[in-house]
Amino acid sequence: MKNIDFMKRAIELSIQNIKNNGGPFGCIIVKENKIIAEGVNRVTFNNDPTAHAEIIAIRNACKKLNTFNLEKCELYTSCEPCPMCLSAIYWSHIDKIYYGNSRLDASKIGFDDDFIYNELNKDLSSRKIQMKQISQKEAKKAFLDWDKKIDKVEY
């Protein structure tokens, strides 16, 4: 299959998902030119704000491959990933992202992606959601313990 065929599948999933009470987003993950996982947006259906198509596809791929590391995989998504999904893509070590619609296209139909991208560029004190660091000294214990752990699995 070619890149365009994989993208067509992601787009097809996004269109089908609207008919299944989901959002207009679809995603597939490909390894060695084969689709290994798919995902569609189930945020409102599952009452789960993290149930984006990319997150669902990553979870399915990791389960299928029995690993948290998706190196040598490519992700095809019907829309540019939101900041949460982009972070998950980085954490999972996917090699390449192909997307259809942009975050500005998503913004035009009421999705927050572009707003969140803009929030991330702001100083912490200027963001919509207030953030305040507390109990750093107590919290550091976990990091110190992790740093000393000899048999840790790094990710």
Protein backbone atom coordinates (compact mmCIF):
# COMPACT_ATOMS: atom_id res chain seq x y z
CA MET A 1 0.00 0.00 0.00
CA LYS A 2 1.03 3.60 -0.48
CA ASN A 3 0.89 6.59 1.87
CA ILE A 4 -2.22 7.89 0.13
CA ASP A 5 -4.00 4.56 0.70
CA PHE A 6 -3.22 4.64 4.42
CA MET A 7 -4.45 8.22 4.64
CA LYS A 8 -7.63 7.27 2.80
CA ARG A 9 -8.27 4.63 5.48
CA ALA A 10 -7.81 7.16 8.30
CA ILE A 11 -10.19 9.56 6.56
CA GLU A 12 -12.69 6.76 5.94
CA LEU A 13 -12.63 5.94 9.66
CA SER A 14 -13.28 9.60 10.52
CA ILE A 15 -16.32 9.75 8.25
CA GLN A 16 -17.71 6.41 9.48
CA ASN A 17 -17.23 7.48 13.09
CA ILE A 18 -19.60 10.42 12.71
CA LYS A 19 -22.32 7.90 11.83
CA ASN A 20 -21.42 5.95 15.00
CA ASN A 21 -21.93 8.88 17.40
CA GLY A 22 -18.24 9.79 17.47
CA GLY A 23 -16.17 12.80 16.50
CA PRO A 24 -14.84 13.40 12.97
CA PHE A 25 -11.40 11.89 13.57
CA GLY A 26 -9.78 8.63 12.48
CA CYS A 27 -6.26 7.27 12.81
CA ILE A 28 -4.22 4.24 11.81
CA ILE A 29 -0.76 3.05 12.74
CA VAL A 30 1.38 1.30 10.16
CA LYS A 31 4.44 -0.89 10.63
CA GLU A 32 6.34 -2.50 7.78
CA ASN A 33 3.68 -1.32 5.33
CA LYS A 34 0.83 -3.03 7.23
CA ILE A 35 -1.92 -1.50 9.33
CA ILE A 36 -1.38 -2.74 12.87
CA ALA A 37 -3.95 -0.58 14.69
CA GLU A 38 -6.83 1.78 14.14
CA GLY A 39 -8.61 4.31 16.31
CA VAL A 40 -11.52 6.69 16.13
CA ASN A 41 -12.59 9.55 18.36
CA ARG A 42 -14.83 8.28 21.19
CA VAL A 43 -14.70 11.31 23.52
CA THR A 44 -18.44 11.93 23.81
CA PHE A 45 -19.48 8.31 23.35
CA ASN A 46 -17.23 7.13 26.22
CA ASN A 47 -17.37 10.37 28.26
CA ASP A 48 -13.56 10.33 28.12
CA PRO A 49 -11.75 13.51 27.03
CA THR A 50 -8.62 11.46 26.30
CA ALA A 51 -10.36 9.09 23.85
CA HIS A 52 -8.96 10.76 20.75
CA ALA A 53 -8.41 8.67 17.62
CA GLU A 54 -4.62 8.83 17.95
CA ILE A 55 -4.67 7.79 21.62
CA ILE A 56 -6.99 4.86 20.86
CA ALA A 57 -4.78 3.78 17.94
CA ILE A 58 -1.61 4.02 20.06
CA ARG A 59 -3.21 1.95 22.84
CA ASN A 60 -4.32 -0.67 20.31
CA ALA A 61 -0.90 -0.80 18.64
CA CYS A 62 0.93 -1.14 21.96
CA LYS A 63 -1.41 -3.91 23.04
CA LYS A 64 -1.04 -5.75 19.72
CA LEU A 65 2.76 -5.46 19.68
CA ASN A 66 3.08 -5.94 23.46
CA THR A 67 5.32 -2.89 23.85
CA PHE A 68 5.18 0.78 24.82
CA ASN A 69 7.71 1.64 22.11
CA LEU A 70 6.34 2.09 18.59
CA GLU A 71 9.61 2.83 16.82
CA LYS A 72 9.52 1.99 13.11
CA CYS A 73 5.82 2.85 13.00
CA GLU A 74 4.05 5.61 11.12
CA LEU A 75 0.81 7.30 12.12
CA TYR A 76 -1.84 8.48 9.67
CA THR A 77 -4.54 10.72 11.08
CA SER A 78 -7.39 12.62 9.53
CA CYS A 79 -6.38 15.79 11.40
CA GLU A 80 -3.19 17.33 12.75
CA PRO A 81 -2.76 15.90 16.26
CA CYS A 82 -3.77 18.01 19.23
CA PRO A 83 -1.10 18.69 21.88
CA MET A 84 -2.19 15.69 23.98
CA CYS A 85 -2.00 13.33 21.03
CA LEU A 86 1.25 14.82 19.77
CA SER A 87 2.78 14.25 23.20
CA ALA A 88 1.57 10.64 23.21
CA ILE A 89 3.05 10.16 19.74
CA TYR A 90 6.41 11.43 20.99
CA TRP A 91 6.20 9.26 24.14
CA SER A 92 5.46 6.19 22.00
CA HIS A 93 8.42 6.95 19.67
CA ILE A 94 6.43 6.79 16.43
CA ASP A 95 8.74 7.73 13.55
CA LYS A 96 6.47 9.79 11.30
CA ILE A 97 3.08 11.52 11.27
CA TYR A 98 0.89 12.09 8.22
CA TYR A 99 -2.23 14.22 8.68
CA GLY A 100 -5.14 15.54 6.60
CA ASN A 101 -6.90 18.52 8.16
CA SER A 102 -4.93 21.14 10.08
CA ARG A 103 -5.52 22.32 13.64
CA LEU A 104 -6.83 25.57 12.14
CA ASP A 105 -9.39 23.56 10.15
CA ALA A 106 -10.41 21.87 13.43
CA SER A 107 -10.69 25.24 15.14
CA LYS A 108 -13.11 26.46 12.46
CA ILE A 109 -15.58 23.71 13.41
CA GLY A 110 -15.28 24.20 17.15
CA PHE A 111 -12.36 22.07 18.36
CA ASP A 112 -9.84 23.48 20.89
CA ASP A 113 -6.60 22.24 19.34
CA ASP A 114 -5.30 25.62 18.20
CA PHE A 115 -6.33 27.26 21.49
CA ILE A 116 -4.35 24.67 23.46
CA TYR A 117 -1.31 25.03 21.19
CA ASN A 118 -1.43 28.79 21.87
CA GLU A 119 -1.83 28.23 25.63
CA LEU A 120 1.33 26.11 25.69
CA ASN A 121 3.32 29.04 24.32
CA LYS A 122 2.23 31.28 27.20
CA ASP A 123 3.99 31.81 30.50
CA LEU A 124 2.43 29.66 33.24
CA SER A 125 0.99 32.73 34.95
CA SER A 126 -0.85 33.78 31.78
CA ARG A 127 -2.64 30.51 31.02
CA LYS A 128 -6.39 30.02 31.36
CA ILE A 129 -5.94 27.20 33.90
CA GLN A 130 -3.96 28.30 36.95
CA MET A 131 -0.92 26.20 37.89
CA LYS A 132 0.82 26.39 41.25
CA GLN A 133 3.73 24.26 42.39
CA ILE A 134 3.36 22.85 45.91
CA SER A 135 5.08 20.13 47.98
CA GLN A 136 8.12 19.93 45.70
CA LYS A 137 10.38 18.76 48.52
CA GLU A 138 8.06 15.85 49.35
CA ALA A 139 7.44 15.03 45.70
CA LYS A 140 11.18 14.81 44.97
CA LYS A 141 11.44 11.58 46.99
CA ALA A 142 9.85 9.59 44.18
CA PHE A 143 12.33 11.05 41.68
CA LEU A 144 15.29 10.33 43.95
CA ASP A 145 14.08 6.76 44.46
CA TRP A 146 13.62 6.33 40.69
CA ASP A 147 17.08 7.75 39.99
CA LYS A 148 18.68 5.20 42.35
CA LYS A 149 16.65 2.22 41.05
CA ILE A 150 19.03 -0.18 39.31
CA ASP A 151 16.47 -2.40 37.53
CA LYS A 152 14.21 0.34 36.12
CA VAL A 153 12.82 0.09 32.62
CA GLU A 154 13.53 3.44 31.02
CA TYR A 155 11.11 4.99 28.62
